[in-house]
C-alpha atoms as a PDB file:
ATOM      1  CA  ALA A   1      65.364-191.130 -34.306  1.00  0.00           C
ATOM      2  CA  LEU A   2      68.238-192.323 -36.520  1.00  0.00           C
ATOM      3  CA  SER A   3      70.272-189.211 -35.831  1.00  0.00           C
ATOM      4  CA  ASP A   4      69.974-189.838 -32.068  1.00  0.00           C
ATOM      5  CA  GLN A   5      72.008-193.051 -32.527  1.00  0.00           C
ATOM      6  CA  HIS A   6      74.171-192.205 -35.544  1.00  0.00           C
ATOM      7  CA  GLY A   7      76.055-189.230 -36.931  1.00  0.00           C
ATOM      8  CA  TRP A   8      74.452-187.200 -39.704  1.00  0.00           C
ATOM      9  CA  GLU A   9      76.533-188.841 -42.428  1.00  0.00           C
ATOM     10  CA  THR A  10      75.375-192.317 -41.357  1.00  0.00           C
ATOM     11  CA  THR A  11      71.826-191.061 -40.883  1.00  0.00           C
ATOM     12  CA  ASP A  12      71.712-189.740 -44.456  1.00  0.00           C
ATOM     13  CA  ARG A  13      72.925-193.100 -45.797  1.00  0.00           C
ATOM     14  CA  LEU A  14      70.406-195.036 -43.679  1.00  0.00           C
ATOM     15  CA  LEU A  15      67.539-192.734 -44.687  1.00  0.00           C
ATOM     16  CA  ALA A  16      68.381-193.231 -48.351  1.00  0.00           C
ATOM     17  CA  ARG A  17      68.439-196.998 -47.889  1.00  0.00           C
ATOM     18  CA  TYR A  18      65.445-197.433 -45.556  1.00  0.00           C
ATOM     19  CA  GLY A  19      63.233-194.415 -46.244  1.00  0.00           C
ATOM     20  CA  GLU A  20      60.830-196.402 -48.427  1.00  0.00           C
ATOM     21  CA  ALA A  21      61.791-199.923 -47.345  1.00  0.00           C
ATOM     22  CA  PHE A  22      59.121-200.570 -44.704  1.00  0.00           C
ATOM     23  CA  ASP A  23      55.570-201.309 -45.810  1.00  0.00           C
ATOM     24  CA  GLY A  24      52.372-200.028 -44.207  1.00  0.00           C
ATOM     25  CA  GLY A  25      51.868-203.216 -42.203  1.00  0.00           C
ATOM     26  CA  TYR A  26      55.246-202.821 -40.527  1.00  0.00           C
ATOM     27  CA  GLU A  27      54.669-199.114 -39.911  1.00  0.00           C
ATOM     28  CA  ALA A  28      51.261-199.815 -38.337  1.00  0.00           C
ATOM     29  CA  THR A  29      52.745-202.488 -36.047  1.00  0.00           C
ATOM     30  CA  TYR A  30      55.985-200.950 -34.775  1.00  0.00           C
ATOM     31  CA  SER A  31      57.207-197.661 -33.384  1.00  0.00           C
ATOM     32  CA  VAL A  32      59.951-195.534 -34.920  1.00  0.00           C
ATOM     33  CA  GLU A  33      62.291-196.628 -32.095  1.00  0.00           C
ATOM     34  CA  THR A  34      61.672-200.279 -32.944  1.00  0.00           C
ATOM     35  CA  ALA A  35      62.360-199.565 -36.621  1.00  0.00           C
ATOM     36  CA  VAL A  36      65.704-197.973 -35.680  1.00  0.00           C
ATOM     37  CA  ARG A  37      66.632-201.085 -33.642  1.00  0.00           C
ATOM     38  CA  ASP A  38      65.526-203.324 -36.517  1.00  0.00           C
ATOM     39  CA  ILE A  39      67.632-201.318 -38.973  1.00  0.00           C
ATOM     40  CA  GLY A  40      70.630-202.052 -36.761  1.00  0.00           C
ATOM     41  CA  MET A  41      69.894-205.772 -37.047  1.00  0.00           C
ATOM     42  CA  ILE A  42      69.175-205.590 -40.784  1.00  0.00           C
ATOM     43  CA  GLU A  43      72.560-203.955 -41.286  1.00  0.00           C
ATOM     44  CA  ARG A  44      74.138-207.119 -39.831  1.00  0.00           C
ATOM     45  CA  VAL A  45      72.671-209.522 -42.416  1.00  0.00           C
ATOM     46  CA  ASN A  46      74.087-210.052 -45.881  1.00  0.00           C
ATOM     47  CA  ALA A  47      75.015-212.867 -48.260  1.00  0.00           C
ATOM     48  CA  ASP A  48      77.893-213.927 -45.982  1.00  0.00           C
ATOM     49  CA  ARG A  49      75.814-213.746 -42.791  1.00  0.00           C
ATOM     50  CA  PRO A  50      72.257-214.457 -43.926  1.00  0.00           C
ATOM     51  CA  THR A  51      70.636-214.717 -40.480  1.00  0.00           C
ATOM     52  CA  ALA A  52      70.592-212.603 -37.324  1.00  0.00           C
ATOM     53  CA  ILE A  53      68.332-212.945 -34.287  1.00  0.00           C
ATOM     54  CA  VAL A  54      67.381-211.171 -31.094  1.00  0.00           C
ATOM     55  CA  PHE A  55      65.330-212.384 -28.121  1.00  0.00           C
ATOM     56  CA  PHE A  56      63.431-209.624 -26.300  1.00  0.00           C
ATOM     57  CA  ARG A  57      60.447-208.970 -24.079  1.00  0.00           C
ATOM     58  CA  ARG A  58      57.645-206.624 -25.062  1.00  0.00           C
ATOM     59  CA  PRO A  59      56.273-204.215 -22.452  1.00  0.00           C
ATOM     60  CA  GLY A  60      53.491-205.970 -20.561  1.00  0.00           C
ATOM     61  CA  ASP A  61      54.619-209.524 -21.416  1.00  0.00           C
ATOM     62  CA  ALA A  62      54.387-212.078 -18.624  1.00  0.00           C
ATOM     63  CA  GLU A  63      57.656-213.385 -17.176  1.00  0.00           C
ATOM     64  CA  ASN A  64      57.125-216.744 -18.950  1.00  0.00           C
ATOM     65  CA  ARG A  65      56.889-215.048 -22.351  1.00  0.00           C
ATOM     66  CA  CYS A  66      59.334-213.422 -24.720  1.00  0.00           C
ATOM     67  CA  SER A  67      59.699-212.734 -28.411  1.00  0.00           C
ATOM     68  CA  LEU A  68      62.234-213.597 -31.064  1.00  0.00           C
ATOM     69  CA  LYS A  69      62.963-211.642 -34.212  1.00  0.00           C
ATOM     70  CA  LEU A  70      64.782-213.541 -36.926  1.00  0.00           C
ATOM     71  CA  PHE A  71      66.217-211.451 -39.763  1.00  0.00           C
ATOM     72  CA  SER A  72      66.669-213.397 -42.987  1.00  0.00           C
ATOM     73  CA  HIS A  73      68.577-212.171 -46.041  1.00  0.00           C
ATOM     74  CA  GLN A  74      66.890-212.459 -49.468  1.00  0.00           C
ATOM     75  CA  SER A  75      64.285-215.142 -48.681  1.00  0.00           C
ATOM     76  CA  PRO A  76      61.829-215.907 -45.897  1.00  0.00           C
ATOM     77  CA  THR A  77      62.676-218.712 -43.486  1.00  0.00           C
ATOM     78  CA  PRO A  78      59.954-221.385 -43.293  1.00  0.00           C
ATOM     79  CA  LEU A  79      58.245-221.922 -39.958  1.00  0.00           C
ATOM     80  CA  SER A  80      59.099-225.612 -40.176  1.00  0.00           C
ATOM     81  CA  ASP A  81      62.805-224.682 -40.004  1.00  0.00           C
ATOM     82  CA  ARG A  82      62.408-222.394 -36.971  1.00  0.00           C
ATOM     83  CA  VAL A  83      59.735-223.901 -34.755  1.00  0.00           C
ATOM     84  CA  PRO A  84      61.381-227.298 -34.014  1.00  0.00           C
ATOM     85  CA  ILE A  85      64.561-225.573 -32.786  1.00  0.00           C
ATOM     86  CA  LEU A  86      62.555-223.343 -30.448  1.00  0.00           C
ATOM     87  CA  GLU A  87      60.458-226.240 -29.170  1.00  0.00           C
ATOM     88  CA  GLN A  88      63.616-228.202 -28.328  1.00  0.00           C
ATOM     89  CA  MET A  89      64.849-225.128 -26.435  1.00  0.00           C
ATOM     90  CA  GLY A  90      61.785-225.297 -24.184  1.00  0.00           C
ATOM     91  CA  PHE A  91      59.462-222.824 -25.921  1.00  0.00           C
ATOM     92  CA  ARG A  92      56.033-222.913 -27.486  1.00  0.00           C
ATOM     93  CA  VAL A  93      55.530-220.648 -30.486  1.00  0.00           C
ATOM     94  CA  ILE A  94      52.350-218.660 -29.871  1.00  0.00           C
ATOM     95  CA  ASN A  95      52.185-216.569 -33.026  1.00  0.00           C
ATOM     96  CA  GLU A  96      54.306-215.174 -35.826  1.00  0.00           C
ATOM     97  CA  ARG A  97      54.317-212.215 -38.192  1.00  0.00           C
ATOM     98  CA  THR A  98      56.556-211.825 -41.217  1.00  0.00           C
ATOM     99  CA  PHE A  99      57.507-208.535 -42.854  1.00  0.00           C
ATOM    100  CA  ARG A 100      59.463-208.048 -46.066  1.00  0.00           C
ATOM    101  CA  ILE A 101      61.836-205.095 -46.056  1.00  0.00           C
ATOM    102  CA  ASP A 102      62.521-203.933 -49.617  1.00  0.00           C
ATOM    103  CA  LEU A 103      65.980-202.426 -49.799  1.00  0.00           C
ATOM    104  CA  GLU A 104      67.618-200.659 -52.714  1.00  0.00           C
ATOM    105  CA  GLY A 105      68.352-202.797 -55.738  1.00  0.00           C
ATOM    106  CA  GLU A 106      66.961-206.300 -55.512  1.00  0.00           C
ATOM    107  CA  GLU A 107      67.955-206.914 -51.913  1.00  0.00           C
ATOM    108  CA  ASN A 108      65.293-207.935 -49.403  1.00  0.00           C
ATOM    109  CA  VAL A 109      65.365-208.795 -45.735  1.00  0.00           C
ATOM    110  CA  TYR A 110      62.557-210.676 -44.032  1.00  0.00           C
ATOM    111  CA  ILE A 111      61.738-210.077 -40.386  1.00  0.00           C
ATOM    112  CA  HIS A 112      60.038-212.986 -38.636  1.00  0.00           C
ATOM    113  CA  ASP A 113      58.628-211.754 -35.324  1.00  0.00           C
ATOM    114  CA  MET A 114      57.622-214.685 -33.112  1.00  0.00           C
ATOM    115  CA  SER A 115      55.899-214.628 -29.717  1.00  0.00           C
ATOM    116  CA  LEU A 116      57.111-217.413 -27.434  1.00  0.00           C
ATOM    117  CA  ALA A 117      56.028-218.928 -24.132  1.00  0.00           C
ATOM    118  CA  ARG A 118      58.093-221.128 -21.893  1.00  0.00           C
ATOM    119  CA  THR A 119      57.019-224.757 -21.804  1.00  0.00           C
ATOM    120  CA  GLY A 120      56.300-225.639 -18.198  1.00  0.00           C
ATOM    121  CA  ALA A 121      56.492-223.415 -15.154  1.00  0.00           C
ATOM    122  CA  GLY A 122      58.963-220.647 -14.524  1.00  0.00           C
ATOM    123  CA  SER A 123      60.097-217.377 -15.988  1.00  0.00           C
ATOM    124  CA  ILE A 124      62.455-216.517 -18.827  1.00  0.00           C
ATOM    125  CA  ASP A 125      65.322-214.379 -17.550  1.00  0.00           C
ATOM    126  CA  LEU A 126      66.419-212.486 -20.651  1.00  0.00           C
ATOM    127  CA  ASP A 127      68.792-210.276 -18.658  1.00  0.00           C
ATOM    128  CA  SER A 128      70.984-213.242 -17.764  1.00  0.00           C
ATOM    129  CA  GLN A 129      70.025-215.710 -20.504  1.00  0.00           C
ATOM    130  CA  GLY A 130      69.250-213.585 -23.581  1.00  0.00           C
ATOM    131  CA  ALA A 131      72.729-213.810 -25.098  1.00  0.00           C
ATOM    132  CA  ALA A 132      72.908-217.528 -24.282  1.00  0.00           C
ATOM    133  CA  LEU A 133      69.538-218.133 -25.984  1.00  0.00           C
ATOM    134  CA  GLU A 134      70.753-216.330 -29.097  1.00  0.00           C
ATOM    135  CA  ALA A 135      74.028-218.276 -29.061  1.00  0.00           C
ATOM    136  CA  MET A 136      72.204-221.599 -28.714  1.00  0.00           C
ATOM    137  CA  PHE A 137      69.724-220.884 -31.476  1.00  0.00           C
ATOM    138  CA  MET A 138      72.492-219.795 -33.841  1.00  0.00           C
ATOM    139  CA  ALA A 139      74.654-222.817 -32.905  1.00  0.00           C
ATOM    140  CA  VAL A 140      71.796-225.156 -33.830  1.00  0.00           C
ATOM    141  CA  TRP A 141      70.920-223.040 -36.875  1.00  0.00           C
ATOM    142  CA  THR A 142      74.469-223.268 -38.213  1.00  0.00           C
ATOM    143  CA  ARG A 143      74.702-226.973 -37.316  1.00  0.00           C
ATOM    144  CA  ARG A 144      77.382-226.535 -34.663  1.00  0.00           C
ATOM    145  CA  ALA A 145      75.022-227.992 -32.048  1.00  0.00           C
ATOM    146  CA  GLU A 146      72.369-230.698 -31.925  1.00  0.00           C
ATOM    147  CA  SER A 147      68.669-229.927 -31.633  1.00  0.00           C
ATOM    148  CA  ASP A 148      67.075-232.105 -28.991  1.00  0.00           C
ATOM    149  CA  GLY A 149      65.323-231.854 -25.635  1.00  0.00           C
ATOM    150  CA  PHE A 150      68.629-231.308 -23.826  1.00  0.00           C
ATOM    151  CA  ASN A 151      68.610-227.753 -25.192  1.00  0.00           C
ATOM    152  CA  ALA A 152      65.795-226.876 -22.768  1.00  0.00           C
ATOM    153  CA  LEU A 153      68.434-227.080 -20.023  1.00  0.00           C
ATOM    154  CA  LEU A 154      69.415-223.549 -20.943  1.00  0.00           C
ATOM    155  CA  VAL A 155      66.067-222.186 -19.733  1.00  0.00           C
ATOM    156  CA  THR A 156      65.505-224.692 -16.929  1.00  0.00           C
ATOM    157  CA  ALA A 157      69.036-224.963 -15.495  1.00  0.00           C
ATOM    158  CA  GLY A 158      70.948-222.036 -16.995  1.00  0.00           C
ATOM    159  CA  LEU A 159      73.420-224.185 -18.944  1.00  0.00           C
ATOM    160  CA  ALA A 160      75.079-222.733 -22.061  1.00  0.00           C
ATOM    161  CA  TRP A 161      74.906-224.638 -25.349  1.00  0.00           C
ATOM    162  CA  ARG A 162      78.521-225.835 -25.104  1.00  0.00           C
ATOM    163  CA  ASP A 163      77.874-227.202 -21.591  1.00  0.00           C
ATOM    164  CA  ILE A 164      74.781-228.972 -22.898  1.00  0.00           C
ATOM    165  CA  ALA A 165      76.804-230.429 -25.781  1.00  0.00           C
ATOM    166  CA  MET A 166      79.367-231.774 -23.303  1.00  0.00           C
ATOM    167  CA  LEU A 167      76.603-233.227 -21.102  1.00  0.00           C
ATOM    168  CA  ARG A 168      74.936-234.777 -24.139  1.00  0.00           C
END
């Protein structure tokens, strides 16, 4: 699966780094294709960029549901740091699973996989709003934006986080 997306030289490097990194719980939960996508996200986190996220929809999810994976370098991110941001964005957190990915040396990455539902009626349009949701979460996460109920305007009215900041 790695060689389908990368050249053999990159595949060899990734296999050496990730071949034993995923535990049995992760392997029982996710497909090989999901692991390849997660490796791509894990490769983006490091000491300089300790957090990466992706909003996505699982096959069979209702239109008012989606998921968020948060990738955290070296230490897990407490629920109490994540949930309030998502609630202010107009979501309810339904459940969460955390996996520790043991990389070579003493480096670890934690994957927090959260199932979300939209507060109130309506669907979540990840095709048009997925990138904006990620940008808003990261803006709040890095303290470039406020975290309050105005942030739900992204889901309800399609406003980007900078537009919401100006309106605020």
